[in-house]
């Protein structure tokens, strides 16, 4: 078990304890706003989270995710600037922006030793 999957398993148990009763992985995936199959892959060490999923996990479970995965976190300024840039685009240009950002993130992750599985 990797540091990440161990951390995520502990966070799942903490989340259940906070609710006060046993919960399903499907419910935890809904809480994190990810697919159940994606969450299962993370818990089983099949793939690490990437891109927007990293931010979702950090937002819900803690920014130590970046330390565990040895990935630099996005700075608040960067996140703010990206959201502002996206929101200022005409709606017809937003899909291209998303595609370009996805390509950039995929290349960056690959360059830093992560592989992206869709």
N, C-alpha and C. Protein backbone atom coordinates (compact mmCIF):
# COMPACT_ATOMS: atom_id res chain seq x y z
N UNK A 1 0.86 -1.18 0.00
CA UNK A 1 0.00 0.00 0.00
C UNK A 1 0.90 1.24 0.00
N UNK A 2 0.62 2.14 -0.92
CA UNK A 2 1.42 3.37 -0.99
C UNK A 2 1.02 4.32 0.13
N UNK A 3 1.86 5.33 0.32
CA UNK A 3 1.53 6.36 1.30
C UNK A 3 0.19 7.00 0.97
N UNK A 4 -0.03 7.23 -0.33
CA UNK A 4 -1.28 7.87 -0.73
C UNK A 4 -2.50 7.00 -0.43
N UNK A 5 -2.48 5.75 -0.86
CA UNK A 5 -3.66 4.91 -0.65
C UNK A 5 -3.90 4.68 0.85
N UNK A 6 -2.82 4.56 1.62
CA UNK A 6 -2.98 4.44 3.08
C UNK A 6 -3.61 5.69 3.67
N UNK A 7 -3.14 6.85 3.22
CA UNK A 7 -3.69 8.13 3.68
C UNK A 7 -5.16 8.23 3.30
N UNK A 8 -5.49 7.88 2.05
CA UNK A 8 -6.87 7.97 1.59
C UNK A 8 -7.78 7.00 2.34
N UNK A 9 -7.29 5.80 2.62
CA UNK A 9 -8.08 4.85 3.41
C UNK A 9 -8.36 5.40 4.81
N UNK A 10 -7.34 6.04 5.42
CA UNK A 10 -7.54 6.64 6.75
C UNK A 10 -8.56 7.78 6.67
N UNK A 11 -8.49 8.58 5.60
CA UNK A 11 -9.43 9.68 5.43
C UNK A 11 -10.86 9.16 5.23
N UNK A 12 -10.98 8.04 4.54
CA UNK A 12 -12.30 7.41 4.37
C UNK A 12 -12.87 7.00 5.72
N UNK A 13 -12.03 6.38 6.55
CA UNK A 13 -12.48 5.97 7.89
C UNK A 13 -12.81 7.19 8.76
N UNK A 14 -11.98 8.23 8.69
CA UNK A 14 -12.26 9.47 9.44
C UNK A 14 -13.58 10.08 9.01
N UNK A 15 -13.82 10.08 7.70
CA UNK A 15 -15.06 10.63 7.16
C UNK A 15 -16.26 9.84 7.69
N UNK A 16 -16.15 8.51 7.67
CA UNK A 16 -17.23 7.67 8.20
C UNK A 16 -17.47 7.95 9.69
N UNK A 17 -16.37 8.06 10.44
CA UNK A 17 -16.49 8.33 11.87
C UNK A 17 -17.16 9.68 12.12
N UNK A 18 -16.86 10.65 11.28
CA UNK A 18 -17.49 11.96 11.40
C UNK A 18 -18.98 11.91 11.17
N UNK A 19 -19.40 11.03 10.30
CA UNK A 19 -20.83 10.86 10.02
C UNK A 19 -21.49 10.04 11.12
N UNK A 20 -20.71 9.13 11.70
CA UNK A 20 -21.23 8.34 12.81
C UNK A 20 -21.76 6.99 12.43
N UNK A 21 -21.60 6.62 11.17
CA UNK A 21 -22.04 5.28 10.74
C UNK A 21 -21.27 4.86 9.50
N UNK A 22 -21.25 3.56 9.29
CA UNK A 22 -20.53 3.00 8.14
C UNK A 22 -21.13 3.56 6.84
N UNK A 23 -20.25 3.90 5.91
CA UNK A 23 -20.67 4.43 4.61
C UNK A 23 -20.04 3.60 3.49
N UNK A 24 -20.61 3.70 2.31
CA UNK A 24 -20.09 2.98 1.15
C UNK A 24 -19.03 3.81 0.43
N UNK A 25 -18.25 3.13 -0.39
CA UNK A 25 -17.30 3.85 -1.24
C UNK A 25 -18.04 4.77 -2.21
N UNK A 26 -19.20 4.32 -2.63
CA UNK A 26 -20.00 5.14 -3.55
C UNK A 26 -20.37 6.47 -2.89
N UNK A 27 -20.74 6.43 -1.63
CA UNK A 27 -21.09 7.66 -0.90
C UNK A 27 -19.86 8.54 -0.73
N UNK A 28 -18.71 7.94 -0.45
CA UNK A 28 -17.47 8.71 -0.30
C UNK A 28 -17.08 9.34 -1.64
N UNK A 29 -17.25 8.59 -2.73
CA UNK A 29 -16.96 9.12 -4.06
C UNK A 29 -17.87 10.31 -4.37
N UNK A 30 -19.13 10.21 -4.01
CA UNK A 30 -20.06 11.35 -4.21
C UNK A 30 -19.59 12.55 -3.41
N UNK A 31 -19.16 12.31 -2.18
CA UNK A 31 -18.66 13.39 -1.32
C UNK A 31 -17.46 14.08 -1.97
N UNK A 32 -16.57 13.29 -2.57
CA UNK A 32 -15.37 13.84 -3.21
C UNK A 32 -15.66 14.37 -4.62
N UNK A 33 -16.84 14.05 -5.15
CA UNK A 33 -17.24 14.45 -6.50
C UNK A 33 -16.37 13.79 -7.56
N UNK A 34 -16.16 12.46 -7.38
CA UNK A 34 -15.42 11.67 -8.36
C UNK A 34 -16.22 10.38 -8.62
N UNK A 35 -15.84 9.67 -9.66
CA UNK A 35 -16.48 8.39 -9.97
C UNK A 35 -16.04 7.34 -8.95
N UNK A 36 -16.92 6.42 -8.66
CA UNK A 36 -16.61 5.34 -7.72
C UNK A 36 -15.44 4.50 -8.24
N UNK A 37 -15.39 4.26 -9.54
CA UNK A 37 -14.29 3.48 -10.11
C UNK A 37 -12.96 4.21 -9.95
N UNK A 38 -12.98 5.52 -10.06
CA UNK A 38 -11.77 6.32 -9.87
C UNK A 38 -11.29 6.21 -8.43
N UNK A 39 -12.21 6.38 -7.49
CA UNK A 39 -11.87 6.27 -6.07
C UNK A 39 -11.32 4.88 -5.77
N UNK A 40 -11.94 3.86 -6.30
CA UNK A 40 -11.48 2.49 -6.08
C UNK A 40 -10.07 2.30 -6.61
N UNK A 41 -9.77 2.87 -7.77
CA UNK A 41 -8.42 2.78 -8.33
C UNK A 41 -7.40 3.44 -7.42
N UNK A 42 -7.76 4.57 -6.85
CA UNK A 42 -6.85 5.26 -5.93
C UNK A 42 -6.62 4.41 -4.69
N UNK A 43 -7.68 3.86 -4.14
CA UNK A 43 -7.57 3.08 -2.91
C UNK A 43 -6.78 1.80 -3.13
N UNK A 44 -6.82 1.27 -4.34
CA UNK A 44 -6.11 0.02 -4.67
C UNK A 44 -4.74 0.26 -5.27
N UNK A 45 -4.26 1.51 -5.24
CA UNK A 45 -2.93 1.84 -5.77
C UNK A 45 -2.80 1.64 -7.28
N UNK A 46 -3.91 1.63 -8.00
CA UNK A 46 -3.83 1.46 -9.45
C UNK A 46 -3.33 2.72 -10.13
N UNK A 47 -3.83 3.88 -9.72
CA UNK A 47 -3.43 5.16 -10.30
C UNK A 47 -3.46 6.24 -9.23
N UNK A 48 -2.63 7.25 -9.36
CA UNK A 48 -2.74 8.38 -8.44
C UNK A 48 -3.72 9.41 -9.01
N UNK A 49 -4.27 10.24 -8.17
CA UNK A 49 -5.15 11.30 -8.68
C UNK A 49 -4.33 12.36 -9.42
N UNK A 50 -4.97 12.99 -10.37
CA UNK A 50 -4.30 14.02 -11.16
C UNK A 50 -5.26 15.18 -11.40
N UNK A 51 -4.71 16.25 -11.91
CA UNK A 51 -5.51 17.38 -12.37
C UNK A 51 -6.51 17.89 -11.37
N UNK A 52 -7.73 18.07 -11.83
CA UNK A 52 -8.79 18.63 -11.02
C UNK A 52 -9.11 17.74 -9.83
N UNK A 53 -8.90 16.44 -9.97
CA UNK A 53 -9.19 15.53 -8.85
C UNK A 53 -8.27 15.79 -7.66
N UNK A 54 -7.03 16.19 -7.93
CA UNK A 54 -6.14 16.55 -6.83
C UNK A 54 -6.72 17.72 -6.03
N UNK A 55 -7.21 18.71 -6.75
CA UNK A 55 -7.79 19.87 -6.08
C UNK A 55 -9.04 19.48 -5.30
N UNK A 56 -9.88 18.60 -5.86
CA UNK A 56 -11.09 18.15 -5.16
C UNK A 56 -10.72 17.45 -3.85
N UNK A 57 -9.71 16.59 -3.91
CA UNK A 57 -9.28 15.87 -2.71
C UNK A 57 -8.72 16.85 -1.68
N UNK A 58 -7.86 17.75 -2.14
CA UNK A 58 -7.27 18.73 -1.23
C UNK A 58 -8.35 19.57 -0.57
N UNK A 59 -9.33 19.97 -1.35
CA UNK A 59 -10.40 20.81 -0.83
C UNK A 59 -11.22 20.10 0.24
N UNK A 60 -11.46 18.81 0.05
CA UNK A 60 -12.31 18.06 0.97
C UNK A 60 -11.53 17.39 2.11
N UNK A 61 -10.30 16.94 1.82
CA UNK A 61 -9.58 16.10 2.79
C UNK A 61 -8.30 16.70 3.33
N UNK A 62 -7.78 17.72 2.68
CA UNK A 62 -6.57 18.36 3.20
C UNK A 62 -5.49 18.50 2.15
N UNK A 63 -4.77 19.61 2.26
CA UNK A 63 -3.75 19.91 1.27
C UNK A 63 -2.47 19.10 1.45
N UNK A 64 -2.39 18.27 2.49
CA UNK A 64 -1.22 17.40 2.63
C UNK A 64 -1.14 16.38 1.49
N UNK A 65 -2.21 16.25 0.73
CA UNK A 65 -2.21 15.36 -0.44
C UNK A 65 -1.04 15.70 -1.37
N UNK A 66 -0.73 16.98 -1.49
CA UNK A 66 0.36 17.40 -2.38
C UNK A 66 1.71 16.92 -1.86
N UNK A 67 1.88 16.93 -0.54
CA UNK A 67 3.12 16.43 0.05
C UNK A 67 3.23 14.92 -0.11
N UNK A 68 2.14 14.23 0.11
CA UNK A 68 2.14 12.76 0.01
C UNK A 68 2.50 12.33 -1.40
N UNK A 69 1.95 13.01 -2.39
CA UNK A 69 2.22 12.66 -3.78
C UNK A 69 3.46 13.36 -4.34
N UNK A 70 4.07 14.22 -3.53
CA UNK A 70 5.24 14.98 -3.94
C UNK A 70 4.97 15.78 -5.22
N UNK A 71 3.83 16.47 -5.20
CA UNK A 71 3.40 17.32 -6.31
C UNK A 71 3.23 18.72 -5.74
N UNK A 72 3.79 19.73 -6.39
CA UNK A 72 3.58 21.09 -5.87
C UNK A 72 2.11 21.50 -5.99
N UNK A 73 1.58 22.08 -4.95
CA UNK A 73 0.17 22.50 -5.01
C UNK A 73 0.02 23.74 -5.88
N UNK A 74 -1.17 23.90 -6.44
CA UNK A 74 -1.41 25.14 -7.15
C UNK A 74 -1.48 26.28 -6.15
N UNK A 75 -0.89 27.38 -6.48
CA UNK A 75 -0.98 28.52 -5.58
C UNK A 75 -2.39 29.10 -5.66
N UNK A 76 -2.87 29.68 -4.59
CA UNK A 76 -4.21 30.29 -4.65
C UNK A 76 -4.32 31.32 -5.78
N UNK A 77 -3.23 32.06 -6.00
CA UNK A 77 -3.26 33.05 -7.07
C UNK A 77 -3.44 32.38 -8.43
N UNK A 78 -2.72 31.27 -8.66
CA UNK A 78 -2.84 30.54 -9.92
C UNK A 78 -4.27 30.06 -10.13
N UNK A 79 -4.84 29.45 -9.10
CA UNK A 79 -6.21 28.94 -9.20
C UNK A 79 -7.17 30.09 -9.49
N UNK A 80 -7.02 31.18 -8.78
CA UNK A 80 -7.88 32.35 -8.99
C UNK A 80 -7.74 32.87 -10.43
N UNK A 81 -6.49 32.97 -10.90
CA UNK A 81 -6.26 33.48 -12.26
C UNK A 81 -6.84 32.55 -13.32
N UNK A 82 -6.73 31.26 -13.12
CA UNK A 82 -7.28 30.30 -14.09
C UNK A 82 -8.81 30.39 -14.11
N UNK A 83 -9.42 30.48 -12.95
CA UNK A 83 -10.88 30.61 -12.90
C UNK A 83 -11.33 31.91 -13.56
N UNK A 84 -10.62 32.98 -13.28
CA UNK A 84 -10.99 34.28 -13.86
C UNK A 84 -10.82 34.25 -15.38
N UNK A 85 -9.72 33.66 -15.84
CA UNK A 85 -9.50 33.57 -17.29
C UNK A 85 -10.60 32.76 -17.95
N UNK A 86 -10.95 31.65 -17.35
CA UNK A 86 -12.00 30.79 -17.90
C UNK A 86 -13.34 31.53 -17.92
N UNK A 87 -13.68 32.16 -16.81
CA UNK A 87 -14.97 32.86 -16.71
C UNK A 87 -15.07 34.06 -17.65
N UNK A 88 -13.94 34.65 -18.00
CA UNK A 88 -13.94 35.81 -18.89
C UNK A 88 -13.99 35.43 -20.37
N UNK A 89 -13.83 34.15 -20.66
CA UNK A 89 -13.89 33.71 -22.04
C UNK A 89 -15.34 33.63 -22.52
N UNK A 90 -15.55 33.87 -23.82
CA UNK A 90 -16.89 33.62 -24.37
C UNK A 90 -17.20 32.13 -24.22
N UNK A 91 -18.45 31.79 -24.02
CA UNK A 91 -18.83 30.40 -23.76
C UNK A 91 -18.35 29.45 -24.86
N UNK A 92 -18.29 29.93 -26.11
CA UNK A 92 -17.85 29.04 -27.19
C UNK A 92 -16.34 28.76 -27.13
N UNK A 93 -15.58 29.58 -26.41
CA UNK A 93 -14.13 29.38 -26.29
C UNK A 93 -13.76 28.54 -25.06
N UNK A 94 -14.68 28.37 -24.15
CA UNK A 94 -14.37 27.65 -22.91
C UNK A 94 -13.98 26.18 -23.14
N UNK A 95 -14.65 25.44 -24.05
CA UNK A 95 -14.20 24.05 -24.26
C UNK A 95 -12.75 23.94 -24.74
N UNK A 96 -12.30 24.83 -25.63
CA UNK A 96 -10.92 24.80 -26.09
C UNK A 96 -9.97 25.10 -24.94
N UNK A 97 -10.33 26.07 -24.09
CA UNK A 97 -9.52 26.38 -22.92
C UNK A 97 -9.37 25.14 -22.04
N UNK A 98 -10.48 24.44 -21.81
CA UNK A 98 -10.44 23.23 -20.99
C UNK A 98 -9.55 22.18 -21.64
N UNK A 99 -9.67 21.99 -22.95
CA UNK A 99 -8.83 21.02 -23.65
C UNK A 99 -7.35 21.38 -23.55
N UNK A 100 -7.04 22.67 -23.75
CA UNK A 100 -5.65 23.10 -23.67
C UNK A 100 -5.09 22.91 -22.26
N UNK A 101 -5.89 23.22 -21.26
CA UNK A 101 -5.46 23.04 -19.88
C UNK A 101 -5.25 21.56 -19.57
N UNK A 102 -6.14 20.73 -20.06
CA UNK A 102 -6.01 19.28 -19.87
C UNK A 102 -4.71 18.78 -20.50
N UNK A 103 -4.40 19.23 -21.69
CA UNK A 103 -3.15 18.83 -22.36
C UNK A 103 -1.94 19.28 -21.55
N UNK A 104 -1.97 20.52 -21.09
CA UNK A 104 -0.87 21.03 -20.29
C UNK A 104 -0.67 20.20 -19.03
N UNK A 105 -1.76 19.93 -18.31
CA UNK A 105 -1.65 19.16 -17.07
C UNK A 105 -1.14 17.75 -17.34
N UNK A 106 -1.62 17.14 -18.41
CA UNK A 106 -1.16 15.79 -18.75
C UNK A 106 0.33 15.79 -19.04
N UNK A 107 0.80 16.76 -19.82
CA UNK A 107 2.23 16.84 -20.13
C UNK A 107 3.04 17.10 -18.86
N UNK A 108 2.57 17.99 -18.02
CA UNK A 108 3.29 18.31 -16.79
C UNK A 108 3.39 17.07 -15.90
N UNK A 109 2.28 16.37 -15.75
CA UNK A 109 2.27 15.18 -14.91
C UNK A 109 3.20 14.11 -15.48
N UNK A 110 3.17 13.93 -16.77
CA UNK A 110 4.05 12.95 -17.41
C UNK A 110 5.51 13.33 -17.19
N UNK A 111 5.82 14.60 -17.36
CA UNK A 111 7.19 15.08 -17.15
C UNK A 111 7.66 14.87 -15.71
N UNK A 112 6.72 14.81 -14.77
CA UNK A 112 7.07 14.64 -13.36
C UNK A 112 6.85 13.21 -12.86
N UNK A 113 6.73 12.27 -13.80
CA UNK A 113 6.70 10.86 -13.43
C UNK A 113 5.34 10.27 -13.12
N UNK A 114 4.28 11.01 -13.38
CA UNK A 114 2.94 10.48 -13.17
C UNK A 114 2.35 10.07 -14.50
N UNK A 115 1.50 9.07 -14.48
CA UNK A 115 0.81 8.72 -15.70
C UNK A 115 -0.67 8.98 -15.51
N UNK A 116 -1.30 9.41 -16.55
CA UNK A 116 -2.71 9.78 -16.49
C UNK A 116 -3.50 8.70 -17.19
N UNK A 117 -4.47 8.16 -16.50
CA UNK A 117 -5.35 7.14 -17.07
C UNK A 117 -6.75 7.67 -17.03
N UNK A 118 -7.40 7.65 -18.16
CA UNK A 118 -8.80 8.14 -18.20
C UNK A 118 -9.75 6.98 -18.19
